[in-house]
Amino acid sequence: MTHVLVTSISKKVPMLKAVRAAIEKTGCPSLLYGSDLSEDCIGKYFVDRFWKSPLLSEMPPSDLVDYCKHEGISVIFPSRDGELPYFAKVREYFMENGISIMVSELSSINNCFDKFLFYEKLSNKGISVIPTSLHAEHGWKDWVVKERYGAGSANIGLGLDREQAIQHAANMSAPIFQPMIRGDEYSVDVYVVADGSIKGALVRRRNKIVQGESQITSTETYPLLEQLCIEAAQFLKLRGHVIFQAFVDKDGHAHLIECNCRFGGASTLSIAMGLDSFFWFIIESMGGSLSPFPFQRSTKEKKMIRYPEDLIL
């Protein structure tokens, strides 16, 4: 029996529903566990067992292993950027104890968390990535200023001139500078198998963005952008489900912006299109082959609208 734990569930109901569907697809009588720091989180109503967990920084890895063993949990899906380094550091130890975590190696995560390092690594490889600088020393017309580390768009400055960019950066802890690219914004979901091969990639146009997440997103067949992200994922040695953000400018040139090394808020659309990441990872964790489960992309493009919904108990 393979029980599954999703961490930091907060209000990530669509993700929890997708994990439950993957569990049911395996045909195993498994339970869905969810953990969070808050006893009052919304996600607790959408799991079979809820665990009010302590801070990871205050929990020795052996304690989490003991909890998983006691509850029969053998698969963990981290859902928050901040916990990825913790799980990357303990991934091998957990595997030795029969627990699989969908997380990349620490070096790979660091190459994505650090946006300047992300630029350096990919540009040196010849992969198209947005120019990024630690200093306001370029002749760009419009500037973007953002924090160097982590994901998200907090404190970002958009469409600034050089002087405004310098002023904006003064209030940031570790600013980086980029040119403002106007065009279409995309997310690309990629699933990387444990052996480093690519199971599938799917492109989503970000039609409406609210607080850094797609509220309306639609799929597109875009082989060149898929291949760009596949090449980057393999070069960075990522594993499991990851998401690239990219811009395609008015001349049709694609520029990678960043990579989130986890399942994203709107990635459920990719699952609906056939990119069956949770199911594939559970099968991998059970020692099974993914050969009988190919990526069968839907022939019909889909659009997803994210909206609040009531639950009456």
C-alpha atoms as a PDB file:
ATOM      1  CA  MET A   1       0.000   0.000   0.000  1.00  0.00           C
ATOM      2  CA  THR A   2       1.399   3.394  -1.062  1.00  0.00           C
ATOM      3  CA  HIS A   3       0.121   6.374   0.895  1.00  0.00           C
ATOM      4  CA  VAL A   4       0.915   9.822  -0.469  1.00  0.00           C
ATOM      5  CA  LEU A   5       1.755  13.052   1.364  1.00  0.00           C
ATOM      6  CA  VAL A   6       1.397  16.553  -0.091  1.00  0.00           C
ATOM      7  CA  THR A   7       3.148  19.182   2.011  1.00  0.00           C
ATOM      8  CA  SER A   8       2.193  22.832   2.610  1.00  0.00           C
ATOM      9  CA  ILE A   9      -1.272  22.212   1.204  1.00  0.00           C
ATOM     10  CA  SER A  10      -2.690  25.627   2.195  1.00  0.00           C
ATOM     11  CA  LYS A  11      -5.598  26.147  -0.236  1.00  0.00           C
ATOM     12  CA  LYS A  12      -4.146  24.128  -3.138  1.00  0.00           C
ATOM     13  CA  VAL A  13      -7.363  22.230  -3.746  1.00  0.00           C
ATOM     14  CA  PRO A  14      -6.910  21.633  -7.509  1.00  0.00           C
ATOM     15  CA  MET A  15      -3.494  20.099  -6.859  1.00  0.00           C
ATOM     16  CA  LEU A  16      -4.911  17.841  -4.141  1.00  0.00           C
ATOM     17  CA  LYS A  17      -7.692  16.710  -6.449  1.00  0.00           C
ATOM     18  CA  ALA A  18      -5.134  15.935  -9.153  1.00  0.00           C
ATOM     19  CA  VAL A  19      -3.011  13.871  -6.748  1.00  0.00           C
ATOM     20  CA  ARG A  20      -6.101  11.976  -5.582  1.00  0.00           C
ATOM     21  CA  ALA A  21      -7.022  11.206  -9.203  1.00  0.00           C
ATOM     22  CA  ALA A  22      -3.485   9.888  -9.780  1.00  0.00           C
ATOM     23  CA  ILE A  23      -3.716   7.666  -6.697  1.00  0.00           C
ATOM     24  CA  GLU A  24      -7.054   6.264  -7.851  1.00  0.00           C
ATOM     25  CA  LYS A  25      -5.616   5.625 -11.309  1.00  0.00           C
ATOM     26  CA  THR A  26      -2.974   3.307  -9.823  1.00  0.00           C
ATOM     27  CA  GLY A  27      -5.711   1.067  -8.441  1.00  0.00           C
ATOM     28  CA  CYS A  28      -3.956   0.849  -5.062  1.00  0.00           C
ATOM     29  CA  PRO A  29      -6.025   1.371  -1.875  1.00  0.00           C
ATOM     30  CA  SER A  30      -3.970   4.395  -0.864  1.00  0.00           C
ATOM     31  CA  LEU A  31      -4.722   7.376   1.341  1.00  0.00           C
ATOM     32  CA  LEU A  32      -4.001  11.014   0.565  1.00  0.00           C
ATOM     33  CA  TYR A  33      -2.245  12.839   3.402  1.00  0.00           C
ATOM     34  CA  GLY A  34      -1.808  16.589   3.606  1.00  0.00           C
ATOM     35  CA  SER A  35       0.368  18.640   5.920  1.00  0.00           C
ATOM     36  CA  ASP A  36       0.469  22.318   6.762  1.00  0.00           C
ATOM     37  CA  LEU A  37       1.597  24.630   9.550  1.00  0.00           C
ATOM     38  CA  SER A  38      -1.940  25.935   9.952  1.00  0.00           C
ATOM     39  CA  GLU A  39      -4.655  23.871  11.597  1.00  0.00           C
ATOM     40  CA  ASP A  40      -7.247  25.976   9.760  1.00  0.00           C
ATOM     41  CA  CYS A  41      -5.955  25.554   6.210  1.00  0.00           C
ATOM     42  CA  ILE A  42      -8.590  24.928   3.556  1.00  0.00           C
ATOM     43  CA  GLY A  43      -6.733  21.984   2.068  1.00  0.00           C
ATOM     44  CA  LYS A  44      -7.377  19.813   5.147  1.00  0.00           C
ATOM     45  CA  TYR A  45     -10.946  19.282   3.940  1.00  0.00           C
ATOM     46  CA  PHE A  46      -9.731  17.685   0.719  1.00  0.00           C
ATOM     47  CA  VAL A  47      -7.388  15.016   2.098  1.00  0.00           C
ATOM     48  CA  ASP A  48      -8.011  11.734   3.891  1.00  0.00           C
ATOM     49  CA  ARG A  49      -5.629  12.508   6.747  1.00  0.00           C
ATOM     50  CA  PHE A  50      -4.387  15.928   7.825  1.00  0.00           C
ATOM     51  CA  TRP A  51      -1.161  16.522   9.742  1.00  0.00           C
ATOM     52  CA  LYS A  52      -0.427  19.845  11.401  1.00  0.00           C
ATOM     53  CA  SER A  53       3.298  19.711  10.863  1.00  0.00           C
ATOM     54  CA  PRO A  54       6.057  21.663  12.592  1.00  0.00           C
ATOM     55  CA  LEU A  55       8.414  23.925  10.659  1.00  0.00           C
ATOM     56  CA  LEU A  56      10.786  21.855   8.541  1.00  0.00           C
ATOM     57  CA  SER A  57      13.676  23.846  10.008  1.00  0.00           C
ATOM     58  CA  GLU A  58      12.656  22.562  13.440  1.00  0.00           C
ATOM     59  CA  MET A  59      12.114  18.937  12.388  1.00  0.00           C
ATOM     60  CA  PRO A  60      15.052  16.533  12.041  1.00  0.00           C
ATOM     61  CA  PRO A  61      14.747  14.464   8.852  1.00  0.00           C
ATOM     62  CA  SER A  62      14.670  11.305  10.991  1.00  0.00           C
ATOM     63  CA  ASP A  63      11.464  12.538  12.651  1.00  0.00           C
ATOM     64  CA  LEU A  64       9.761  12.994   9.284  1.00  0.00           C
ATOM     65  CA  VAL A  65      10.953   9.569   8.157  1.00  0.00           C
ATOM     66  CA  ASP A  66       9.550   8.059  11.361  1.00  0.00           C
ATOM     67  CA  TYR A  67       6.216   9.782  10.759  1.00  0.00           C
ATOM     68  CA  CYS A  68       6.056   8.530   7.171  1.00  0.00           C
ATOM     69  CA  LYS A  69       6.948   4.987   8.178  1.00  0.00           C
ATOM     70  CA  HIS A  70       4.375   4.981  10.970  1.00  0.00           C
ATOM     71  CA  GLU A  71       1.662   6.175   8.572  1.00  0.00           C
ATOM     72  CA  GLY A  72       2.767   4.051   5.617  1.00  0.00           C
ATOM     73  CA  ILE A  73       3.658   7.059   3.436  1.00  0.00           C
ATOM     74  CA  SER A  74       6.048   6.247   0.601  1.00  0.00           C
ATOM     75  CA  VAL A  75       5.555   9.237  -1.728  1.00  0.00           C
ATOM     76  CA  ILE A  76       5.950  12.949  -0.936  1.00  0.00           C
ATOM     77  CA  PHE A  77       4.974  15.832  -3.202  1.00  0.00           C
ATOM     78  CA  PRO A  78       6.420  19.141  -1.926  1.00  0.00           C
ATOM     79  CA  SER A  79       4.306  22.103  -3.056  1.00  0.00           C
ATOM     80  CA  ARG A  80       6.182  25.203  -1.863  1.00  0.00           C
ATOM     81  CA  ASP A  81       9.398  26.710  -3.201  1.00  0.00           C
ATOM     82  CA  GLY A  82      10.819  27.356   0.252  1.00  0.00           C
ATOM     83  CA  GLU A  83      10.810  23.688   1.232  1.00  0.00           C
ATOM     84  CA  LEU A  84      12.521  22.354  -1.896  1.00  0.00           C
ATOM     85  CA  PRO A  85      16.109  22.786  -0.594  1.00  0.00           C
ATOM     86  CA  TYR A  86      15.217  20.854   2.586  1.00  0.00           C
ATOM     87  CA  PHE A  87      13.762  17.958   0.631  1.00  0.00           C
ATOM     88  CA  ALA A  88      16.604  18.005  -1.900  1.00  0.00           C
ATOM     89  CA  LYS A  89      19.144  17.621   0.906  1.00  0.00           C
ATOM     90  CA  VAL A  90      17.333  14.622   2.408  1.00  0.00           C
ATOM     91  CA  ARG A  91      16.147  12.957  -0.811  1.00  0.00           C
ATOM     92  CA  GLU A  92      18.735  10.151  -0.793  1.00  0.00           C
ATOM     93  CA  TYR A  93      18.205   9.474   2.923  1.00  0.00           C
ATOM     94  CA  PHE A  94      14.460   9.173   2.380  1.00  0.00           C
ATOM     95  CA  MET A  95      14.971   6.878  -0.609  1.00  0.00           C
ATOM     96  CA  GLU A  96      17.083   4.597   1.575  1.00  0.00           C
ATOM     97  CA  ASN A  97      14.033   4.391   3.831  1.00  0.00           C
ATOM     98  CA  GLY A  98      11.628   3.586   0.999  1.00  0.00           C
ATOM     99  CA  ILE A  99      10.203   7.102   0.600  1.00  0.00           C
ATOM    100  CA  SER A 100      10.295   8.882  -2.769  1.00  0.00           C
ATOM    101  CA  ILE A 101      10.195  12.684  -2.986  1.00  0.00           C
ATOM    102  CA  MET A 102       9.414  14.520  -6.225  1.00  0.00           C
ATOM    103  CA  VAL A 103      12.309  16.967  -6.034  1.00  0.00           C
ATOM    104  CA  SER A 104      15.450  17.742  -8.020  1.00  0.00           C
ATOM    105  CA  GLU A 105      18.972  17.673  -6.635  1.00  0.00           C
ATOM    106  CA  LEU A 106      20.043  20.657  -4.536  1.00  0.00           C
ATOM    107  CA  SER A 107      22.510  21.973  -7.128  1.00  0.00           C
ATOM    108  CA  SER A 108      19.778  21.955  -9.786  1.00  0.00           C
ATOM    109  CA  ILE A 109      17.365  23.803  -7.499  1.00  0.00           C
ATOM    110  CA  ASN A 110      20.012  26.396  -6.653  1.00  0.00           C
ATOM    111  CA  ASN A 111      20.641  26.985 -10.356  1.00  0.00           C
ATOM    112  CA  CYS A 112      16.963  27.905 -10.705  1.00  0.00           C
ATOM    113  CA  PHE A 113      16.455  29.828  -7.446  1.00  0.00           C
ATOM    114  CA  ASP A 114      19.378  32.094  -8.339  1.00  0.00           C
ATOM    115  CA  LYS A 115      18.158  33.972 -11.425  1.00  0.00           C
ATOM    116  CA  PHE A 116      21.604  35.309 -12.290  1.00  0.00           C
ATOM    117  CA  LEU A 117      23.107  31.824 -12.065  1.00  0.00           C
ATOM    118  CA  PHE A 118      20.175  30.540 -14.155  1.00  0.00           C
ATOM    119  CA  TYR A 119      21.102  33.097 -16.825  1.00  0.00           C
ATOM    120  CA  GLU A 120      24.824  32.324 -16.662  1.00  0.00           C
ATOM    121  CA  LYS A 121      24.390  28.559 -16.886  1.00  0.00           C
ATOM    122  CA  LEU A 122      21.934  28.622 -19.802  1.00  0.00           C
ATOM    123  CA  SER A 123      23.559  31.434 -21.786  1.00  0.00           C
ATOM    124  CA  ASN A 124      26.957  29.731 -21.572  1.00  0.00           C
ATOM    125  CA  LYS A 125      25.298  26.621 -22.996  1.00  0.00           C
ATOM    126  CA  GLY A 126      23.808  28.652 -25.852  1.00  0.00           C
ATOM    127  CA  ILE A 127      20.228  28.280 -24.624  1.00  0.00           C
ATOM    128  CA  SER A 128      18.052  31.336 -25.220  1.00  0.00           C
ATOM    129  CA  VAL A 129      17.539  33.048 -21.854  1.00  0.00           C
ATOM    130  CA  ILE A 130      16.727  36.643 -20.966  1.00  0.00           C
ATOM    131  CA  PRO A 131      19.852  38.800 -20.439  1.00  0.00           C
ATOM    132  CA  THR A 132      20.440  39.328 -16.719  1.00  0.00           C
ATOM    133  CA  SER A 133      22.889  41.600 -14.960  1.00  0.00           C
ATOM    134  CA  LEU A 134      23.888  42.420 -11.400  1.00  0.00           C
ATOM    135  CA  HIS A 135      24.533  46.049 -12.381  1.00  0.00           C
ATOM    136  CA  ALA A 136      22.604  48.738 -14.273  1.00  0.00           C
ATOM    137  CA  GLU A 137      25.282  49.051 -16.918  1.00  0.00           C
ATOM    138  CA  HIS A 138      23.398  48.352 -20.149  1.00  0.00           C
ATOM    139  CA  GLY A 139      21.713  50.527 -22.747  1.00  0.00           C
ATOM    140  CA  TRP A 140      18.275  48.940 -22.557  1.00  0.00           C
ATOM    141  CA  LYS A 141      15.342  51.266 -23.178  1.00  0.00           C
ATOM    142  CA  ASP A 142      12.956  49.618 -20.696  1.00  0.00           C
ATOM    143  CA  TRP A 143      14.141  47.817 -17.599  1.00  0.00           C
ATOM    144  CA  VAL A 144      12.901  45.115 -15.243  1.00  0.00           C
ATOM    145  CA  VAL A 145      14.238  44.867 -11.695  1.00  0.00           C
ATOM    146  CA  LYS A 146      13.549  41.813  -9.537  1.00  0.00           C
ATOM    147  CA  GLU A 147      14.990  39.903  -6.620  1.00  0.00           C
ATOM    148  CA  ARG A 148      17.834  37.592  -7.544  1.00  0.00           C
ATOM    149  CA  TYR A 149      16.779  34.654  -5.404  1.00  0.00           C
ATOM    150  CA  GLY A 150      13.618  32.579  -5.258  1.00  0.00           C
ATOM    151  CA  ALA A 151      10.439  32.555  -7.293  1.00  0.00           C
ATOM    152  CA  GLY A 152       7.522  34.925  -7.387  1.00  0.00           C
ATOM    153  CA  SER A 153       7.109  38.540  -8.423  1.00  0.00           C
ATOM    154  CA  ALA A 154       7.365  40.338  -5.061  1.00  0.00           C
ATOM    155  CA  ASN A 155       8.831  43.843  -5.334  1.00  0.00           C
ATOM    156  CA  ILE A 156       9.312  43.527  -9.080  1.00  0.00           C
ATOM    157  CA  GLY A 157       9.754  46.741 -11.076  1.00  0.00           C
ATOM    158  CA  LEU A 158       8.510  46.706 -14.677  1.00  0.00           C
ATOM    159  CA  GLY A 159       8.981  49.060 -17.622  1.00  0.00           C
ATOM    160  CA  LEU A 160      11.388  51.393 -15.845  1.00  0.00           C
ATOM    161  CA  ASP A 161      14.011  53.664 -17.319  1.00  0.00           C
ATOM    162  CA  ARG A 162      17.596  53.262 -16.120  1.00  0.00           C
ATOM    163  CA  GLU A 163      17.386  55.827 -13.318  1.00  0.00           C
ATOM    164  CA  GLN A 164      14.085  54.433 -12.073  1.00  0.00           C
ATOM    165  CA  ALA A 165      15.580  50.940 -12.150  1.00  0.00           C
ATOM    166  CA  ILE A 166      18.507  52.052 -10.007  1.00  0.00           C
ATOM    167  CA  GLN A 167      16.154  53.736  -7.520  1.00  0.00           C
ATOM    168  CA  HIS A 168      13.909  50.672  -7.387  1.00  0.00           C
ATOM    169  CA  ALA A 169      16.876  48.376  -6.823  1.00  0.00           C
ATOM    170  CA  ALA A 170      17.977  50.429  -3.819  1.00  0.00           C
ATOM    171  CA  ASN A 171      15.065  49.009  -1.828  1.00  0.00           C
ATOM    172  CA  MET A 172      15.785  45.383  -2.703  1.00  0.00           C
ATOM    173  CA  SER A 173      18.015  42.884  -0.936  1.00  0.00           C
ATOM    174  CA  ALA A 174      19.710  41.366  -4.007  1.00  0.00           C
ATOM    175  CA  PRO A 175      18.457  43.023  -7.197  1.00  0.00           C
ATOM    176  CA  ILE A 176      19.066  41.893 -10.748  1.00  0.00           C
ATOM    177  CA  PHE A 177      18.409  43.851 -13.946  1.00  0.00           C
ATOM    178  CA  GLN A 178      16.836  42.614 -17.166  1.00  0.00           C
ATOM    179  CA  PRO A 179      15.505  44.219 -20.353  1.00  0.00           C
ATOM    180  CA  MET A 180      11.728  44.544 -20.620  1.00  0.00           C
ATOM    181  CA  ILE A 181      10.518  42.136 -23.311  1.00  0.00           C
ATOM    182  CA  ARG A 182       7.076  42.794 -24.706  1.00  0.00           C
ATOM    183  CA  GLY A 183       5.290  39.859 -26.226  1.00  0.00           C
ATOM    184  CA  ASP A 184       3.402  36.734 -25.249  1.00  0.00           C
ATOM    185  CA  GLU A 185       4.041  35.075 -21.902  1.00  0.00           C
ATOM    186  CA  TYR A 186       4.072  31.295 -21.593  1.00  0.00           C
ATOM    187  CA  SER A 187       4.461  28.585 -18.999  1.00  0.00           C
ATOM    188  CA  VAL A 188       5.881  25.228 -20.051  1.00  0.00           C
ATOM    189  CA  ASP A 189       5.284  22.182 -17.865  1.00  0.00           C
ATOM    190  CA  VAL A 190       7.916  19.459 -18.245  1.00  0.00           C
ATOM    191  CA  TYR A 191       8.130  16.018 -16.642  1.00  0.00           C
ATOM    192  CA  VAL A 192      11.626  14.596 -16.284  1.00  0.00           C
ATOM    193  CA  VAL A 193      11.929  10.870 -15.540  1.00  0.00           C
ATOM    194  CA  ALA A 194      14.325   9.648 -12.828  1.00  0.00           C
ATOM    195  CA  ASP A 195      16.855   8.596 -15.494  1.00  0.00           C
ATOM    196  CA  GLY A 196      16.903  12.123 -16.945  1.00  0.00           C
ATOM    197  CA  SER A 197      14.808  11.393 -20.009  1.00  0.00           C
ATOM    198  CA  ILE A 198      11.838  13.610 -20.852  1.00  0.00           C
ATOM    199  CA  LYS A 199       8.370  12.110 -20.599  1.00  0.00           C
ATOM    200  CA  GLY A 200       6.589  15.128 -22.005  1.00  0.00           C
ATOM    201  CA  ALA A 201       6.332  18.901 -22.229  1.00  0.00           C
ATOM    202  CA  LEU A 202       3.303  21.110 -22.648  1.00  0.00           C
ATOM    203  CA  VAL A 203       3.033  24.811 -23.455  1.00  0.00           C
ATOM    204  CA  ARG A 204       0.454  27.073 -21.836  1.00  0.00           C
ATOM    205  CA  ARG A 205      -0.208  30.685 -22.795  1.00  0.00           C
ATOM    206  CA  ARG A 206      -0.672  32.840 -19.697  1.00  0.00           C
ATOM    207  CA  ASN A 207      -3.779  34.775 -20.775  1.00  0.00           C
ATOM    208  CA  LYS A 208      -4.512  36.515 -17.470  1.00  0.00           C
ATOM    209  CA  ILE A 209      -2.049  36.756 -14.598  1.00  0.00           C
ATOM    210  CA  VAL A 210      -2.963  37.688 -11.032  1.00  0.00           C
ATOM    211  CA  GLN A 211      -0.221  37.975  -8.390  1.00  0.00           C
ATOM    212  CA  GLY A 212       2.183  35.994 -10.531  1.00  0.00           C
ATOM    213  CA  GLU A 213      -0.174  33.071 -11.234  1.00  0.00           C
ATOM    214  CA  SER A 214      -2.283  32.332 -14.291  1.00  0.00           C
ATOM    215  CA  GLN A 215      -5.984  32.845 -13.635  1.00  0.00           C
ATOM    216  CA  ILE A 216      -6.767  32.087 -17.268  1.00  0.00           C
ATOM    217  CA  THR A 217      -4.410  29.860 -19.240  1.00  0.00           C
ATOM    218  CA  SER A 218      -4.765  28.024 -22.536  1.00  0.00           C
ATOM    219  CA  THR A 219      -2.705  25.306 -24.178  1.00  0.00           C
ATOM    220  CA  GLU A 220      -0.878  25.713 -27.472  1.00  0.00           C
ATOM    221  CA  THR A 221       1.027  23.403 -29.769  1.00  0.00           C
ATOM    222  CA  TYR A 222       4.446  25.067 -29.857  1.00  0.00           C
ATOM    223  CA  PRO A 223       7.185  22.508 -30.655  1.00  0.00           C
ATOM    224  CA  LEU A 224      10.080  25.018 -30.688  1.00  0.00           C
ATOM    225  CA  LEU A 225       9.249  26.311 -27.217  1.00  0.00           C
ATOM    226  CA  GLU A 226       8.735  22.756 -25.945  1.00  0.00           C
ATOM    227  CA  GLN A 227      12.147  21.741 -27.263  1.00  0.00           C
ATOM    228  CA  LEU A 228      13.818  24.813 -25.736  1.00  0.00           C
ATOM    229  CA  CYS A 229      12.487  23.893 -22.290  1.00  0.00           C
ATOM    230  CA  ILE A 230      13.323  20.215 -22.720  1.00  0.00           C
ATOM    231  CA  GLU A 231      16.910  21.148 -23.570  1.00  0.00           C
ATOM    232  CA  ALA A 232      17.112  23.443 -20.523  1.00  0.00           C
ATOM    233  CA  ALA A 233      15.567  20.846 -18.181  1.00  0.00           C
ATOM    234  CA  GLN A 234      18.054  18.193 -19.230  1.00  0.00           C
ATOM    235  CA  PHE A 235      21.032  20.551 -19.065  1.00  0.00           C
ATOM    236  CA  LEU A 236      20.041  21.679 -15.550  1.00  0.00           C
ATOM    237  CA  LYS A 237      19.532  18.005 -14.534  1.00  0.00           C
ATOM    238  CA  LEU A 238      16.046  18.631 -13.179  1.00  0.00           C
ATOM    239  CA  ARG A 239      13.747  15.817 -12.071  1.00  0.00           C
ATOM    240  CA  GLY A 240       9.994  15.364 -11.729  1.00  0.00           C
ATOM    241  CA  HIS A 241       7.552  18.119 -12.638  1.00  0.00           C
ATOM    242  CA  VAL A 242       9.044  21.552 -13.336  1.00  0.00           C
ATOM    243  CA  ILE A 243       7.722  24.745 -14.930  1.00  0.00           C
ATOM    244  CA  PHE A 244       9.573  27.171 -17.172  1.00  0.00           C
ATOM    245  CA  GLN A 245       8.399  30.736 -17.734  1.00  0.00           C
ATOM    246  CA  ALA A 246       9.162  32.276 -21.108  1.00  0.00           C
ATOM    247  CA  PHE A 247       8.435  35.298 -23.269  1.00  0.00           C
ATOM    248  CA  VAL A 248       8.117  35.204 -27.036  1.00  0.00           C
ATOM    249  CA  ASP A 249       8.842  38.663 -28.457  1.00  0.00           C
ATOM    250  CA  LYS A 250       7.203  40.348 -31.453  1.00  0.00           C
ATOM    251  CA  ASP A 251       9.846  38.827 -33.742  1.00  0.00           C
ATOM    252  CA  GLY A 252       8.986  35.312 -32.595  1.00  0.00           C
ATOM    253  CA  HIS A 253      12.136  34.784 -30.518  1.00  0.00           C
ATOM    254  CA  ALA A 254      11.678  32.858 -27.255  1.00  0.00           C
ATOM    255  CA  HIS A 255      13.482  33.860 -24.071  1.00  0.00           C
ATOM    256  CA  LEU A 256      13.458  31.719 -20.935  1.00  0.00           C
ATOM    257  CA  ILE A 257      12.807  33.795 -17.811  1.00  0.00           C
ATOM    258  CA  GLU A 258      12.963  31.348 -14.911  1.00  0.00           C
ATOM    259  CA  CYS A 259      12.157  27.823 -13.763  1.00  0.00           C
ATOM    260  CA  ASN A 260      10.070  26.685 -10.793  1.00  0.00           C
ATOM    261  CA  CYS A 261      11.149  23.219  -9.656  1.00  0.00           C
ATOM    262  CA  ARG A 262       7.722  22.047  -8.569  1.00  0.00           C
ATOM    263  CA  PHE A 263       4.111  21.590  -9.645  1.00  0.00           C
ATOM    264  CA  GLY A 264       2.447  24.954 -10.305  1.00  0.00           C
ATOM    265  CA  GLY A 265      -0.914  26.489  -9.573  1.00  0.00           C
ATOM    266  CA  ALA A 266      -2.157  26.177 -13.147  1.00  0.00           C
ATOM    267  CA  SER A 267      -0.299  22.961 -14.001  1.00  0.00           C
ATOM    268  CA  THR A 268      -3.503  20.967 -13.556  1.00  0.00           C
ATOM    269  CA  LEU A 269      -4.345  22.041 -17.101  1.00  0.00           C
ATOM    270  CA  SER A 270      -1.311  20.123 -18.316  1.00  0.00           C
ATOM    271  CA  ILE A 271      -2.533  17.038 -16.470  1.00  0.00           C
ATOM    272  CA  ALA A 272      -5.892  17.436 -18.213  1.00  0.00           C
ATOM    273  CA  MET A 273      -3.950  17.503 -21.494  1.00  0.00           C
ATOM    274  CA  GLY A 274      -2.194  14.202 -20.724  1.00  0.00           C
ATOM    275  CA  LEU A 275       0.974  15.277 -18.877  1.00  0.00           C
ATOM    276  CA  ASP A 276       0.235  12.838 -16.041  1.00  0.00           C
ATOM    277  CA  SER A 277       3.033  13.901 -13.673  1.00  0.00           C
ATOM    278  CA  PHE A 278       1.660  12.687 -10.331  1.00  0.00           C
ATOM    279  CA  PHE A 279       0.633   9.310 -11.725  1.00  0.00           C
ATOM    280  CA  TRP A 280       3.983   8.845 -13.455  1.00  0.00           C
ATOM    281  CA  PHE A 281       5.923   9.701 -10.305  1.00  0.00           C
ATOM    282  CA  ILE A 282       3.874   7.297  -8.170  1.00  0.00           C
ATOM    283  CA  ILE A 283       4.510   4.539 -10.710  1.00  0.00           C
ATOM    284  CA  GLU A 284       8.238   5.364 -10.671  1.00  0.00           C
ATOM    285  CA  SER A 285       8.292   5.326  -6.868  1.00  0.00           C
ATOM    286  CA  MET A 286       6.734   1.848  -6.908  1.00  0.00           C
ATOM    287  CA  GLY A 287       9.567   0.630  -9.141  1.00  0.00           C
ATOM    288  CA  GLY A 288       7.354   0.374 -12.181  1.00  0.00           C
ATOM    289  CA  SER A 289       8.202   1.166 -15.785  1.00  0.00           C
ATOM    290  CA  LEU A 290       6.632   4.182 -17.474  1.00  0.00           C
ATOM    291  CA  SER A 291       6.797   2.526 -20.895  1.00  0.00           C
ATOM    292  CA  PRO A 292       3.160   1.326 -20.716  1.00  0.00           C
ATOM    293  CA  PHE A 293       2.055   4.882 -19.899  1.00  0.00           C
ATOM    294  CA  PRO A 294       3.086   7.181 -22.775  1.00  0.00           C
ATOM    295  CA  PHE A 295       2.391  10.892 -22.903  1.00  0.00           C
ATOM    296  CA  GLN A 296      -0.774  11.001 -24.972  1.00  0.00           C
ATOM    297  CA  ARG A 297      -1.351  14.678 -25.583  1.00  0.00           C
ATOM    298  CA  SER A 298      -4.949  15.695 -26.103  1.00  0.00           C
ATOM    299  CA  THR A 299      -5.630  16.520 -29.743  1.00  0.00           C
ATOM    300  CA  LYS A 300      -7.982  19.273 -28.591  1.00  0.00           C
ATOM    301  CA  GLU A 301      -6.506  22.416 -27.048  1.00  0.00           C
ATOM    302  CA  LYS A 302      -7.992  23.410 -23.692  1.00  0.00           C
ATOM    303  CA  LYS A 303      -8.422  26.564 -21.626  1.00  0.00           C
ATOM    304  CA  MET A 304      -8.582  26.727 -17.838  1.00  0.00           C
ATOM    305  CA  ILE A 305     -10.170  29.421 -15.693  1.00  0.00           C
ATOM    306  CA  ARG A 306      -9.274  29.400 -11.987  1.00  0.00           C
ATOM    307  CA  TYR A 307     -12.015  30.609  -9.655  1.00  0.00           C
ATOM    308  CA  PRO A 308     -13.124  30.268  -6.009  1.00  0.00           C
ATOM    309  CA  GLU A 309     -15.710  27.607  -5.208  1.00  0.00           C
ATOM    310  CA  ASP A 310     -17.749  26.843  -2.091  1.00  0.00           C
ATOM    311  CA  LEU A 311     -17.707  23.536  -0.239  1.00  0.00           C
ATOM    312  CA  ILE A 312     -20.765  22.732   1.849  1.00  0.00           C
ATOM    313  CA  LEU A 313     -20.199  20.079   4.536  1.00  0.00           C
END
